[in-house]
C-alpha atoms as a PDB file:
ATOM      1  CA  MET A   1      12.053  -2.811 -14.030  1.00  0.00           C
ATOM      2  CA  ALA A   2       9.735  -3.418 -11.408  1.00  0.00           C
ATOM      3  CA  ASP A   3       7.991  -6.896 -11.643  1.00  0.00           C
ATOM      4  CA  THR A   4       4.262  -6.398 -11.037  1.00  0.00           C
ATOM      5  CA  SER A   5       3.171  -9.959 -11.243  1.00  0.00           C
ATOM      6  CA  THR A   6       0.168 -10.929  -9.223  1.00  0.00           C
ATOM      7  CA  SER A   7      -0.824 -13.440  -6.908  1.00  0.00           C
ATOM      8  CA  VAL A   8      -4.269 -14.675  -5.708  1.00  0.00           C
ATOM      9  CA  VAL A   9      -5.707 -14.573  -2.150  1.00  0.00           C
ATOM     10  CA  VAL A  10      -9.268 -15.451  -0.849  1.00  0.00           C
ATOM     11  CA  VAL A  11     -10.968 -13.609   2.031  1.00  0.00           C
ATOM     12  CA  ASN A  12     -14.636 -13.619   3.307  1.00  0.00           C
ATOM     13  CA  ASN A  13     -14.571  -9.841   4.275  1.00  0.00           C
ATOM     14  CA  HIS A  14     -15.686  -7.305   1.881  1.00  0.00           C
ATOM     15  CA  ASP A  15     -14.132  -4.521   3.819  1.00  0.00           C
ATOM     16  CA  ILE A  16     -10.686  -6.106   3.475  1.00  0.00           C
ATOM     17  CA  ALA A  17     -11.379  -6.663  -0.090  1.00  0.00           C
ATOM     18  CA  GLY A  18     -11.743  -2.780  -0.141  1.00  0.00           C
ATOM     19  CA  LEU A  19      -8.581  -2.285   1.539  1.00  0.00           C
ATOM     20  CA  ASN A  20      -6.731  -4.596  -0.575  1.00  0.00           C
ATOM     21  CA  SER A  21      -7.905  -2.835  -3.810  1.00  0.00           C
ATOM     22  CA  ARG A  22      -6.872   0.633  -2.538  1.00  0.00           C
ATOM     23  CA  MET A  23      -3.550  -0.577  -1.167  1.00  0.00           C
ATOM     24  CA  ASN A  24      -2.623  -2.304  -4.488  1.00  0.00           C
ATOM     25  CA  ARG A  25      -3.460   0.870  -6.465  1.00  0.00           C
ATOM     26  CA  PHE A  26      -1.254   2.964  -4.010  1.00  0.00           C
ATOM     27  CA  ILE A  27       1.630   0.602  -4.171  1.00  0.00           C
ATOM     28  CA  GLU A  28       1.355   0.633  -8.164  1.00  0.00           C
ATOM     29  CA  GLU A  29       1.249   4.385  -8.042  1.00  0.00           C
ATOM     30  CA  LEU A  30       4.489   4.429  -6.007  1.00  0.00           C
ATOM     31  CA  ILE A  31       6.320   2.062  -8.259  1.00  0.00           C
ATOM     32  CA  LYS A  32       5.393   4.212 -11.288  1.00  0.00           C
ATOM     33  CA  SER A  33       5.886   7.539  -9.964  1.00  0.00           C
ATOM     34  CA  VAL A  34       8.176  10.214 -11.357  1.00  0.00           C
ATOM     35  CA  SER A  35      10.373   9.870  -8.355  1.00  0.00           C
ATOM     36  CA  SER A  36      10.716   6.156  -8.605  1.00  0.00           C
ATOM     37  CA  GLY A  37      13.764   6.585 -11.292  1.00  0.00           C
ATOM     38  CA  THR A  38      15.702   9.117  -9.046  1.00  0.00           C
ATOM     39  CA  SER A  39      17.180   9.516  -5.396  1.00  0.00           C
ATOM     40  CA  GLN A  40      14.709  12.224  -4.385  1.00  0.00           C
ATOM     41  CA  LEU A  41      10.891  12.038  -3.758  1.00  0.00           C
ATOM     42  CA  ASN A  42       9.710  15.230  -5.251  1.00  0.00           C
ATOM     43  CA  GLN A  43       7.118  17.570  -3.711  1.00  0.00           C
ATOM     44  CA  PHE A  44       4.392  16.140  -5.938  1.00  0.00           C
ATOM     45  CA  ASP A  45       4.881  12.580  -5.081  1.00  0.00           C
ATOM     46  CA  GLN A  46       5.283  13.341  -1.515  1.00  0.00           C
ATOM     47  CA  GLN A  47       1.870  15.118  -1.631  1.00  0.00           C
ATOM     48  CA  ARG A  48       0.480  12.115  -3.229  1.00  0.00           C
ATOM     49  CA  LEU A  49       1.928   9.808  -0.506  1.00  0.00           C
ATOM     50  CA  ILE A  50       0.215  11.918   1.873  1.00  0.00           C
ATOM     51  CA  THR A  51      -3.081  11.522   0.047  1.00  0.00           C
ATOM     52  CA  TYR A  52      -2.728   7.930  -0.243  1.00  0.00           C
ATOM     53  CA  LEU A  53      -2.113   7.422   3.376  1.00  0.00           C
ATOM     54  CA  ASP A  54      -5.182   9.771   4.225  1.00  0.00           C
ATOM     55  CA  ALA A  55      -7.272   7.569   2.041  1.00  0.00           C
ATOM     56  CA  ILE A  56      -6.227   4.334   3.744  1.00  0.00           C
ATOM     57  CA  ASP A  57      -6.892   6.052   7.225  1.00  0.00           C
ATOM     58  CA  THR A  58     -10.065   7.343   6.170  1.00  0.00           C
ATOM     59  CA  TYR A  59     -11.405   3.899   4.766  1.00  0.00           C
ATOM     60  CA  HIS A  60      -9.984   2.267   7.733  1.00  0.00           C
ATOM     61  CA  GLY A  61     -11.901   4.734   9.936  1.00  0.00           C
ATOM     62  CA  TRP A  62     -15.071   4.101   7.864  1.00  0.00           C
ATOM     63  CA  VAL A  63     -14.779   0.448   8.386  1.00  0.00           C
ATOM     64  CA  ILE A  64     -14.381   0.291  12.071  1.00  0.00           C
ATOM     65  CA  ALA A  65     -17.087   2.837  12.548  1.00  0.00           C
ATOM     66  CA  GLN A  66     -19.738   0.662  10.833  1.00  0.00           C
ATOM     67  CA  PRO A  67     -22.099  -1.438  12.822  1.00  0.00           C
ATOM     68  CA  ASN A  68     -21.207  -5.246  13.118  1.00  0.00           C
ATOM     69  CA  LEU A  69     -23.183  -7.010  10.379  1.00  0.00           C
ATOM     70  CA  ASP A  70     -25.274 -10.265  10.779  1.00  0.00           C
ATOM     71  CA  LEU A  71     -24.888 -11.965   7.395  1.00  0.00           C
ATOM     72  CA  PRO A  72     -26.133 -15.488   7.905  1.00  0.00           C
ATOM     73  CA  GLU A  73     -27.366 -16.090   4.273  1.00  0.00           C
ATOM     74  CA  THR A  74     -24.110 -14.695   2.476  1.00  0.00           C
ATOM     75  CA  HIS A  75     -21.263 -15.500   4.985  1.00  0.00           C
ATOM     76  CA  PRO A  76     -18.847 -17.023   4.388  1.00  0.00           C
ATOM     77  CA  ARG A  77     -18.676 -15.810   0.680  1.00  0.00           C
ATOM     78  CA  ALA A  78     -15.152 -16.260  -0.822  1.00  0.00           C
ATOM     79  CA  ILE A  79     -13.877 -13.152  -2.362  1.00  0.00           C
ATOM     80  CA  THR A  80     -10.886 -13.622  -4.743  1.00  0.00           C
ATOM     81  CA  LEU A  81      -8.323 -10.844  -4.378  1.00  0.00           C
ATOM     82  CA  THR A  82      -5.725 -10.077  -6.802  1.00  0.00           C
ATOM     83  CA  GLN A  83      -2.541  -8.868  -5.215  1.00  0.00           C
ATOM     84  CA  VAL A  84       0.156  -6.910  -6.942  1.00  0.00           C
ATOM     85  CA  ALA A  85       3.435  -8.482  -5.745  1.00  0.00           C
ATOM     86  CA  PRO A  86       6.008  -6.057  -6.655  1.00  0.00           C
ATOM     87  CA  ALA A  87       9.841  -6.730  -6.687  1.00  0.00           C
ATOM     88  CA  ILE A  88      11.550  -3.841  -5.012  1.00  0.00           C
ATOM     89  CA  THR A  89      13.841  -2.751  -7.889  1.00  0.00           C
ATOM     90  CA  VAL A  90      13.109   0.825  -8.464  1.00  0.00           C
ATOM     91  CA  GLU A  91      15.944   3.549  -8.197  1.00  0.00           C
ATOM     92  CA  ASN A  92      14.436   5.337  -5.320  1.00  0.00           C
ATOM     93  CA  ASP A  93      15.467   3.582  -1.970  1.00  0.00           C
ATOM     94  CA  SER A  94      12.648   5.560   0.000  1.00  0.00           C
ATOM     95  CA  ILE A  95      10.078   4.316  -2.495  1.00  0.00           C
ATOM     96  CA  ASN A  96      11.300   0.653  -1.944  1.00  0.00           C
ATOM     97  CA  ASP A  97      10.931   1.096   1.800  1.00  0.00           C
ATOM     98  CA  LEU A  98       7.388   2.662   1.432  1.00  0.00           C
ATOM     99  CA  VAL A  99       6.339   0.079  -0.960  1.00  0.00           C
ATOM    100  CA  ARG A 100       7.637  -2.670   1.520  1.00  0.00           C
ATOM    101  CA  LEU A 101       5.818  -1.225   4.250  1.00  0.00           C
ATOM    102  CA  LEU A 102       2.388  -0.833   2.296  1.00  0.00           C
ATOM    103  CA  THR A 103       2.778  -4.423   0.955  1.00  0.00           C
ATOM    104  CA  ILE A 104       3.403  -5.661   4.701  1.00  0.00           C
ATOM    105  CA  ALA A 105       0.223  -3.719   5.716  1.00  0.00           C
ATOM    106  CA  ARG A 106      -1.801  -5.312   2.954  1.00  0.00           C
ATOM    107  CA  ASP A 107      -0.535  -8.796   3.502  1.00  0.00           C
ATOM    108  CA  GLU A 108      -1.096  -8.501   7.204  1.00  0.00           C
ATOM    109  CA  ILE A 109      -4.543  -7.375   6.506  1.00  0.00           C
ATOM    110  CA  VAL A 110      -5.501  -9.962   3.817  1.00  0.00           C
ATOM    111  CA  ASN A 111      -4.094 -12.945   6.109  1.00  0.00           C
ATOM    112  CA  SER A 112      -5.605 -11.659   9.176  1.00  0.00           C
ATOM    113  CA  GLN A 113      -8.202 -13.122  11.661  1.00  0.00           C
ATOM    114  CA  SER A 114     -10.670 -10.301  10.351  1.00  0.00           C
ATOM    115  CA  ALA A 115     -10.306 -11.725   6.805  1.00  0.00           C
ATOM    116  CA  ARG A 116     -12.436 -14.544   7.759  1.00  0.00           C
ATOM    117  CA  ASP A 117     -15.142 -12.414   9.300  1.00  0.00           C
ATOM    118  CA  ALA A 118     -18.098 -11.202   7.022  1.00  0.00           C
ATOM    119  CA  ALA A 119     -17.038  -7.316   7.515  1.00  0.00           C
ATOM    120  CA  GLY A 120     -14.946  -5.001   9.723  1.00  0.00           C
ATOM    121  CA  LEU A 121     -11.672  -5.501  11.387  1.00  0.00           C
ATOM    122  CA  ASN A 122     -10.939  -6.584  15.006  1.00  0.00           C
ATOM    123  CA  LYS A 123      -9.074  -4.290  17.308  1.00  0.00           C
ATOM    124  CA  PHE A 124      -5.772  -6.097  16.924  1.00  0.00           C
ATOM    125  CA  ASP A 125      -5.833  -5.979  13.125  1.00  0.00           C
ATOM    126  CA  SER A 126      -7.030  -2.410  13.093  1.00  0.00           C
ATOM    127  CA  ALA A 127      -4.053  -1.583  15.459  1.00  0.00           C
ATOM    128  CA  ARG A 128      -1.640  -3.353  13.112  1.00  0.00           C
ATOM    129  CA  LEU A 129      -2.840  -1.344   9.994  1.00  0.00           C
ATOM    130  CA  ARG A 130      -2.891   2.039  11.953  1.00  0.00           C
ATOM    131  CA  SER A 131       0.629   1.433  13.231  1.00  0.00           C
ATOM    132  CA  ILE A 132       2.051   0.721   9.667  1.00  0.00           C
ATOM    133  CA  VAL A 133       0.439   3.577   8.147  1.00  0.00           C
ATOM    134  CA  ALA A 134       1.928   5.734  11.056  1.00  0.00           C
ATOM    135  CA  LYS A 135       5.321   4.535  10.402  1.00  0.00           C
ATOM    136  CA  CYS A 136       4.970   5.392   6.644  1.00  0.00           C
ATOM    137  CA  ARG A 137       4.184   9.053   7.902  1.00  0.00           C
ATOM    138  CA  LYS A 138       6.964   9.029  10.218  1.00  0.00           C
ATOM    139  CA  PHE A 139       9.249   7.820   7.578  1.00  0.00           C
ATOM    140  CA  LEU A 140       8.090  10.783   5.245  1.00  0.00           C
ATOM    141  CA  SER A 141       8.489  13.452   7.857  1.00  0.00           C
ATOM    142  CA  ASP A 142      11.582  12.108   9.671  1.00  0.00           C
ATOM    143  CA  TYR A 143      13.682  10.642   6.908  1.00  0.00           C
ATOM    144  CA  ILE A 144      12.432  11.698   3.512  1.00  0.00           C
ATOM    145  CA  VAL A 145      11.973  15.465   4.064  1.00  0.00           C
ATOM    146  CA  PRO A 146      15.216  15.997   5.982  1.00  0.00           C
ATOM    147  CA  THR A 147      17.339  14.023   3.557  1.00  0.00           C
ATOM    148  CA  ASN A 148      15.794  14.936   0.387  1.00  0.00           C
ATOM    149  CA  PRO A 149      17.287  14.875  -2.267  1.00  0.00           C
ATOM    150  CA  LEU A 150      20.336  12.733  -1.985  1.00  0.00           C
ATOM    151  CA  ASP A 151      23.540  13.323  -4.391  1.00  0.00           C
ATOM    152  CA  LEU A 152      24.458   9.861  -5.443  1.00  0.00           C
ATOM    153  CA  PRO A 153      26.506  10.331  -8.831  1.00  0.00           C
ATOM    154  CA  GLU A 154      28.589   7.244  -8.352  1.00  0.00           C
ATOM    155  CA  SER A 155      25.844   4.846  -7.709  1.00  0.00           C
ATOM    156  CA  SER A 156      23.013   6.242  -9.855  1.00  0.00           C
ATOM    157  CA  PRO A 157      21.389   4.727 -11.806  1.00  0.00           C
ATOM    158  CA  ALA A 158      21.430   1.609 -10.350  1.00  0.00           C
ATOM    159  CA  VAL A 159      18.396  -0.031 -11.908  1.00  0.00           C
ATOM    160  CA  ALA A 160      16.291   0.386 -14.954  1.00  0.00           C
ATOM    161  CA  GLN A 161      13.307   2.741 -14.620  1.00  0.00           C
ATOM    162  CA  SER A 162       9.856   1.149 -13.612  1.00  0.00           C
ATOM    163  CA  GLY A 163       8.337   2.548 -16.870  1.00  0.00           C
ATOM    164  CA  ALA A 164       5.257   4.786 -17.415  1.00  0.00           C
ATOM    165  CA  GLY A 165       1.949   4.255 -15.945  1.00  0.00           C
ATOM    166  CA  ARG A 166      -1.096   2.541 -17.588  1.00  0.00           C
ATOM    167  CA  THR A 167      -2.462   4.388 -20.777  1.00  0.00           C
ATOM    168  CA  GLY A 168      -5.861   4.237 -22.162  1.00  0.00           C
ATOM    169  CA  ILE A 169      -8.446   1.620 -21.711  1.00  0.00           C
END
């Protein structure tokens, strides 16, 4: 079963807090997806992945399109982030790869130079995020789609399922 233990990180940038929150949710969605327990990434989970990557790109675009903010009375303000720190143990190797990439993207951003700014992303941190999301898209189009599904009768199942998603409130 996937370990969804958490760690705490502190940033000063409210836009990075927003990216962190979204990326944590998408990482959890992948770990708990229907496809996580098999060798294939089904069409529904592929479409969900595309919407997650689109959401990251759209939020990123919104962040970098905003004007610089002068916040002398509220910066630096510590923003405590909770990060899902998944252990990559789901059955689906492609989901493990995607979770690894999104975790790297999230960790690069929350530990970036921009994390100490009040808002926004500098061009270097922005390029890092854009590159990793593009790599996820290429992984879907150039690896997952052409090889999906894999027939792995001798090695599957290799790990326990990640379990159902959250229920109720």
